Amino acid sequence: MGRVEGKVAFITGAARGQGRSHAIRLAEEGADIIAIDLCGPVPNLGYPPATPEDLAETVKQVEALGRGIVSAEADIRDADALRRAVDDGVARFGRLDVVVANAGICIPRAWDDVTPEIWRDTIDINLTGTWNTVRATAPRLVEAGGGSIILTSSAAGLKGLPFLTPYVASKHGVTGLARAFAHELARHHIRVNSVHPTGVDTPMGTMGADGMGDMIADNPRIGGMLTNSLPIDVTGATDISNAVLFLASDESRHVTALAMTVDAGNTQY
């Protein structure tokens, strides 16, 4: 216990799924939390969006662990809203040490069914929103004398998975952001790493995959690219949170620019 004792972590997409799991896992190990989520609809999603009630449940579960938490409904596409959320959290806790840029969407489509709207929303949220998150938070880590930034990428950030063209493009971009920021921010003792899950047992991870059956049936030769080497279809959110905890903690104090896979072997063939 206490692997991130005394640290303050800013987490996007924290209302449910991986984001909530990260908030709880870091709180279990001593961190206070600044929790951000859109809590509203995005067009074309094949799964229900997070709600204000979901974010309130994250707050409740963190508080039950005896840790402090500040929450806000904010869109990571809105740089000004992000900065306000960061400022409010730092005003409450006095500092910022860890950033988990976790928010994202996934809309599976065959390449010729991807609309301009799906492309734009996926890139704007997954890539530009992640860039906004780092821009809003990194100055606070500089003030603190260092810290850890963790960007949620994907197996699709290392491998050209089929039926996910906008998602693959956005997550490859996130992987590149982590590597580039890692080198520029290193002089401030800020480490930047990316985490690369395979499918995760969350609303996005399971309901999105459920929609791929017809596409795989139509193009079965490449369907196997979605298969994990280990005999599992999806991981648990806690599996990813354990990786996030390691990268947030001082145990990884010399780890930066790492693309850390938690993918059951998916990207290795």
Protein backbone atom coordinates (compact mmCIF):
# COMPACT_ATOMS: atom_id res chain seq x y z
CA MET A 1 0.00 0.00 0.00
CA GLY A 2 1.01 3.63 -0.45
CA ARG A 3 2.83 3.34 -3.79
CA VAL A 4 1.56 6.81 -4.81
CA GLU A 5 1.02 8.18 -1.31
CA GLY A 6 0.75 11.98 -1.29
CA LYS A 7 0.46 12.31 -5.05
CA VAL A 8 -2.37 14.00 -6.96
CA ALA A 9 -3.58 12.40 -10.20
CA PHE A 10 -5.60 14.02 -12.99
CA ILE A 11 -7.63 11.43 -14.94
CA THR A 12 -9.77 11.99 -18.03
CA GLY A 13 -12.65 9.69 -18.94
CA ALA A 14 -12.98 8.93 -15.25
CA ALA A 15 -16.73 8.38 -15.02
CA ARG A 16 -16.57 4.65 -15.69
CA GLY A 17 -14.57 1.89 -17.38
CA GLN A 18 -10.81 2.17 -17.38
CA GLY A 19 -10.89 5.75 -16.09
CA ARG A 20 -12.87 4.85 -12.98
CA SER A 21 -10.68 1.81 -12.44
CA HIS A 22 -7.54 3.97 -12.64
CA ALA A 23 -9.00 6.46 -10.17
CA ILE A 24 -9.85 3.73 -7.68
CA ARG A 25 -6.52 1.91 -8.06
CA LEU A 26 -4.47 5.07 -7.56
CA ALA A 27 -6.66 6.10 -4.63
CA GLU A 28 -6.15 2.67 -3.06
CA GLU A 29 -2.43 3.41 -3.14
CA GLY A 30 -2.71 6.86 -1.57
CA ALA A 31 -3.38 9.37 -4.36
CA ASP A 32 -5.96 12.13 -4.42
CA ILE A 33 -7.87 12.40 -7.68
CA ILE A 34 -9.02 15.05 -10.14
CA ALA A 35 -11.64 13.24 -12.24
CA ILE A 36 -12.84 14.57 -15.59
CA ASP A 37 -15.43 13.22 -18.04
CA LEU A 38 -17.63 14.55 -20.83
CA CYS A 39 -20.68 12.78 -19.39
CA GLY A 40 -22.60 13.31 -22.59
CA PRO A 41 -23.34 11.89 -26.01
CA VAL A 42 -21.03 11.55 -28.99
CA PRO A 43 -22.66 10.81 -32.37
CA ASN A 44 -22.42 7.32 -33.88
CA LEU A 45 -21.27 5.53 -30.72
CA GLY A 46 -22.46 1.94 -30.53
CA TYR A 47 -22.55 2.06 -26.73
CA PRO A 48 -24.23 4.42 -24.23
CA PRO A 49 -22.19 7.45 -23.16
CA ALA A 50 -21.07 8.01 -19.59
CA THR A 51 -23.45 10.05 -17.46
CA PRO A 52 -23.19 12.52 -14.58
CA GLU A 53 -24.42 9.70 -12.36
CA ASP A 54 -21.47 7.56 -13.49
CA LEU A 55 -19.04 10.33 -12.53
CA ALA A 56 -20.78 10.73 -9.17
CA GLU A 57 -20.28 7.00 -8.57
CA THR A 58 -16.55 7.36 -9.22
CA VAL A 59 -16.46 10.17 -6.66
CA LYS A 60 -18.34 8.01 -4.17
CA GLN A 61 -15.98 5.06 -4.58
CA VAL A 62 -12.84 7.18 -4.24
CA GLU A 63 -14.19 8.93 -1.16
CA ALA A 64 -15.02 5.53 0.36
CA LEU A 65 -11.28 4.83 0.26
CA GLY A 66 -10.61 7.93 2.36
CA ARG A 67 -9.04 9.92 -0.46
CA GLY A 68 -9.92 13.38 -1.74
CA ILE A 69 -11.45 13.85 -5.17
CA VAL A 70 -12.53 16.79 -7.31
CA SER A 71 -14.71 16.06 -10.34
CA ALA A 72 -15.81 18.09 -13.34
CA GLU A 73 -17.82 17.53 -16.49
CA ALA A 74 -15.48 18.70 -19.23
CA ASP A 75 -14.87 17.90 -22.88
CA ILE A 76 -11.20 17.24 -23.63
CA ARG A 77 -11.74 18.88 -27.01
CA ASP A 78 -12.27 22.14 -25.08
CA ALA A 79 -8.82 23.35 -24.00
CA ASP A 80 -10.21 26.15 -21.84
CA ALA A 81 -12.53 23.79 -19.95
CA LEU A 82 -9.61 21.44 -19.31
CA ARG A 83 -7.46 24.24 -17.92
CA ARG A 84 -10.26 25.31 -15.60
CA ALA A 85 -10.60 21.75 -14.33
CA VAL A 86 -6.85 21.53 -13.74
CA ASP A 87 -6.82 24.88 -11.95
CA ASP A 88 -9.74 23.90 -9.72
CA GLY A 89 -8.10 20.60 -8.81
CA VAL A 90 -4.74 22.17 -8.03
CA ALA A 91 -6.49 24.87 -5.97
CA ARG A 92 -8.00 22.06 -3.86
CA PHE A 93 -4.95 19.81 -3.50
CA GLY A 94 -2.07 22.25 -3.97
CA ARG A 95 -0.17 20.31 -6.64
CA LEU A 96 -0.32 17.85 -9.53
CA ASP A 97 1.96 14.83 -9.92
CA VAL A 98 0.31 12.33 -12.27
CA VAL A 99 -1.70 12.72 -15.46
CA VAL A 100 -3.66 9.85 -17.01
CA ALA A 101 -4.99 10.92 -20.42
CA ASN A 102 -7.48 8.09 -20.73
CA ALA A 103 -10.58 9.53 -22.44
CA GLY A 104 -11.37 8.21 -25.90
CA ILE A 105 -13.95 6.70 -28.24
CA CYS A 106 -14.02 3.79 -30.67
CA ILE A 107 -16.46 3.45 -33.59
CA PRO A 108 -15.79 0.27 -35.61
CA ARG A 109 -16.57 0.56 -39.31
CA ALA A 110 -15.33 -0.98 -42.52
CA TRP A 111 -13.07 1.52 -44.28
CA ASP A 112 -15.70 2.56 -46.82
CA ASP A 113 -18.38 3.09 -44.16
CA VAL A 114 -16.34 5.65 -42.22
CA THR A 115 -18.04 9.03 -42.55
CA PRO A 116 -16.30 12.40 -42.28
CA GLU A 117 -18.11 12.90 -38.96
CA ILE A 118 -16.81 9.62 -37.50
CA TRP A 119 -13.27 10.44 -38.68
CA ARG A 120 -13.40 13.97 -37.25
CA ASP A 121 -14.87 13.02 -33.87
CA THR A 122 -12.42 10.15 -33.37
CA ILE A 123 -9.36 12.25 -34.21
CA ASP A 124 -10.63 15.28 -32.27
CA ILE A 125 -11.31 13.29 -29.09
CA ASN A 126 -8.61 10.64 -29.10
CA LEU A 127 -5.70 12.61 -30.51
CA THR A 128 -6.37 16.34 -30.21
CA GLY A 129 -8.06 15.83 -26.84
CA THR A 130 -5.01 13.96 -25.57
CA TRP A 131 -2.75 16.75 -26.83
CA ASN A 132 -5.01 19.28 -25.05
CA THR A 133 -4.72 17.25 -21.85
CA VAL A 134 -0.93 17.29 -21.87
CA ARG A 135 -0.85 20.98 -22.73
CA ALA A 136 -3.19 21.79 -19.83
CA THR A 137 -1.40 19.67 -17.23
CA ALA A 138 2.32 19.65 -18.05
CA PRO A 139 2.94 23.18 -16.72
CA ARG A 140 1.65 22.03 -13.34
CA LEU A 141 4.07 19.10 -13.32
CA VAL A 142 6.87 21.52 -14.15
CA GLU A 143 5.83 23.59 -11.12
CA ALA A 144 5.88 20.44 -8.97
CA GLY A 145 9.41 19.61 -10.05
CA GLY A 146 8.46 16.56 -12.09
CA GLY A 147 5.87 13.87 -12.46
CA SER A 148 4.41 11.17 -14.68
CA ILE A 149 2.16 11.47 -17.71
CA ILE A 150 0.47 8.30 -18.97
CA LEU A 151 -1.34 8.30 -22.29
CA THR A 152 -3.87 5.57 -23.04
CA SER A 153 -3.11 4.30 -26.52
CA SER A 154 -4.08 0.80 -27.67
CA ALA A 155 -2.88 -2.32 -29.41
CA ALA A 156 -4.23 -0.30 -32.34
CA GLY A 157 -1.55 2.28 -31.59
CA LEU A 158 1.13 -0.25 -32.53
CA LYS A 159 -0.63 -2.45 -35.07
CA GLY A 160 -2.91 -1.77 -38.03
CA LEU A 161 -6.01 -3.50 -36.72
CA PRO A 162 -8.83 -3.83 -39.28
CA PHE A 163 -12.24 -2.15 -39.21
CA LEU A 164 -10.87 0.67 -37.05
CA THR A 165 -9.25 3.11 -39.48
CA PRO A 166 -9.90 6.37 -37.54
CA TYR A 167 -9.17 4.70 -34.22
CA VAL A 168 -5.89 3.21 -35.49
CA ALA A 169 -4.83 6.59 -36.88
CA SER A 170 -5.68 8.37 -33.64
CA LYS A 171 -3.96 5.82 -31.39
CA HIS A 172 -0.81 5.71 -33.52
CA GLY A 173 -0.83 9.48 -33.06
CA VAL A 174 -1.14 9.11 -29.29
CA THR A 175 1.85 6.74 -29.29
CA GLY A 176 3.85 9.36 -31.18
CA LEU A 177 2.76 12.11 -28.78
CA ALA A 178 4.02 10.09 -25.82
CA ARG A 179 7.41 9.54 -27.41
CA ALA A 180 7.83 13.17 -28.49
CA PHE A 181 6.63 14.69 -25.21
CA ALA A 182 8.85 12.28 -23.27
CA HIS A 183 12.00 13.79 -24.75
CA GLU A 184 10.96 17.45 -24.55
CA LEU A 185 9.70 17.21 -20.97
CA ALA A 186 12.56 15.06 -19.67
CA ARG A 187 14.59 18.09 -18.59
CA HIS A 188 11.78 18.90 -16.14
CA HIS A 189 11.94 15.37 -14.64
CA ILE A 190 8.61 14.56 -16.26
CA ARG A 191 8.23 11.03 -17.60
CA VAL A 192 5.79 10.31 -20.43
CA ASN A 193 4.72 6.78 -21.33
CA SER A 194 1.87 5.14 -23.23
CA VAL A 195 -0.19 2.10 -22.29
CA HIS A 196 -1.49 -0.25 -24.97
CA PRO A 197 -4.42 -2.50 -24.01
CA THR A 198 -6.07 -5.12 -26.12
CA GLY A 199 -9.87 -5.28 -25.73
CA VAL A 200 -10.95 -4.40 -22.18
CA ASP A 201 -14.11 -5.42 -20.36
CA THR A 202 -15.73 -1.96 -20.45
CA PRO A 203 -18.74 -0.61 -22.36
CA MET A 204 -16.46 0.63 -25.15
CA GLY A 205 -14.30 -2.47 -25.23
CA THR A 206 -17.06 -5.05 -25.32
CA MET A 207 -19.93 -3.37 -27.14
CA GLY A 208 -17.60 -2.02 -29.83
CA ALA A 209 -16.19 -5.49 -30.48
CA ASP A 210 -19.69 -6.96 -30.66
CA GLY A 211 -20.36 -4.81 -33.72
CA MET A 212 -17.51 -6.33 -35.74
CA GLY A 213 -19.10 -9.70 -36.46
CA ASP A 214 -20.57 -8.78 -39.84
CA MET A 215 -17.36 -7.05 -40.93
CA ILE A 216 -15.27 -10.08 -40.02
CA ALA A 217 -17.72 -12.37 -41.84
CA ASP A 218 -17.38 -10.20 -44.94
CA ASN A 219 -13.56 -10.15 -44.76
CA PRO A 220 -12.58 -13.21 -42.68
CA ARG A 221 -8.96 -13.40 -43.81
CA ILE A 222 -7.95 -10.47 -41.61
CA GLY A 223 -10.30 -11.14 -38.68
CA GLY A 224 -7.59 -13.12 -36.92
CA MET A 225 -5.58 -9.93 -36.43
CA LEU A 226 -7.96 -9.11 -33.57
CA THR A 227 -7.13 -12.35 -31.70
CA ASN A 228 -4.98 -12.40 -28.55
CA SER A 229 -2.20 -14.94 -28.07
CA LEU A 230 -3.27 -15.69 -24.51
CA PRO A 231 -6.57 -17.58 -24.38
CA ILE A 232 -8.68 -14.59 -23.40
CA ASP A 233 -10.91 -12.29 -25.44
CA VAL A 234 -10.68 -9.23 -23.17
CA THR A 235 -8.69 -8.10 -20.15
CA GLY A 236 -10.13 -6.53 -17.02
CA ALA A 237 -9.89 -2.80 -16.44
CA THR A 238 -7.83 -3.50 -13.32
CA ASP A 239 -5.18 -5.17 -15.47
CA ILE A 240 -4.64 -1.85 -17.21
CA SER A 241 -4.87 0.07 -13.94
CA ASN A 242 -2.02 -1.97 -12.48
CA ALA A 243 0.17 -0.87 -15.38
CA VAL A 244 -0.93 2.74 -14.87
CA LEU A 245 -0.09 2.47 -11.17
CA PHE A 246 3.44 1.25 -11.94
CA LEU A 247 4.03 4.10 -14.38
CA ALA A 248 2.58 6.63 -11.93
CA SER A 249 4.73 5.43 -9.05
CA ASP A 250 8.39 6.06 -8.28
CA GLU A 251 9.03 2.39 -9.07
CA SER A 252 9.23 3.52 -12.72
CA ARG A 253 11.30 6.64 -12.00
CA HIS A 254 13.70 5.91 -14.87
CA VAL A 255 11.05 4.70 -17.33
CA THR A 256 10.06 7.13 -20.07
CA ALA A 257 9.10 6.99 -23.77
CA LEU A 258 7.91 3.40 -23.17
CA ALA A 259 5.03 1.87 -25.13
CA MET A 260 3.84 -0.56 -22.45
CA THR A 261 1.63 -3.34 -23.81
CA VAL A 262 -1.06 -5.02 -21.70
CA ASP A 263 -2.43 -6.80 -24.72
CA ALA A 264 -2.30 -10.56 -24.11
CA GLY A 265 0.21 -10.79 -26.94
CA ASN A 266 -2.03 -9.16 -29.58
CA THR A 267 0.64 -6.87 -31.06
CA GLN A 268 3.39 -9.51 -31.22
CA TYR A 269 2.24 -11.24 -34.39
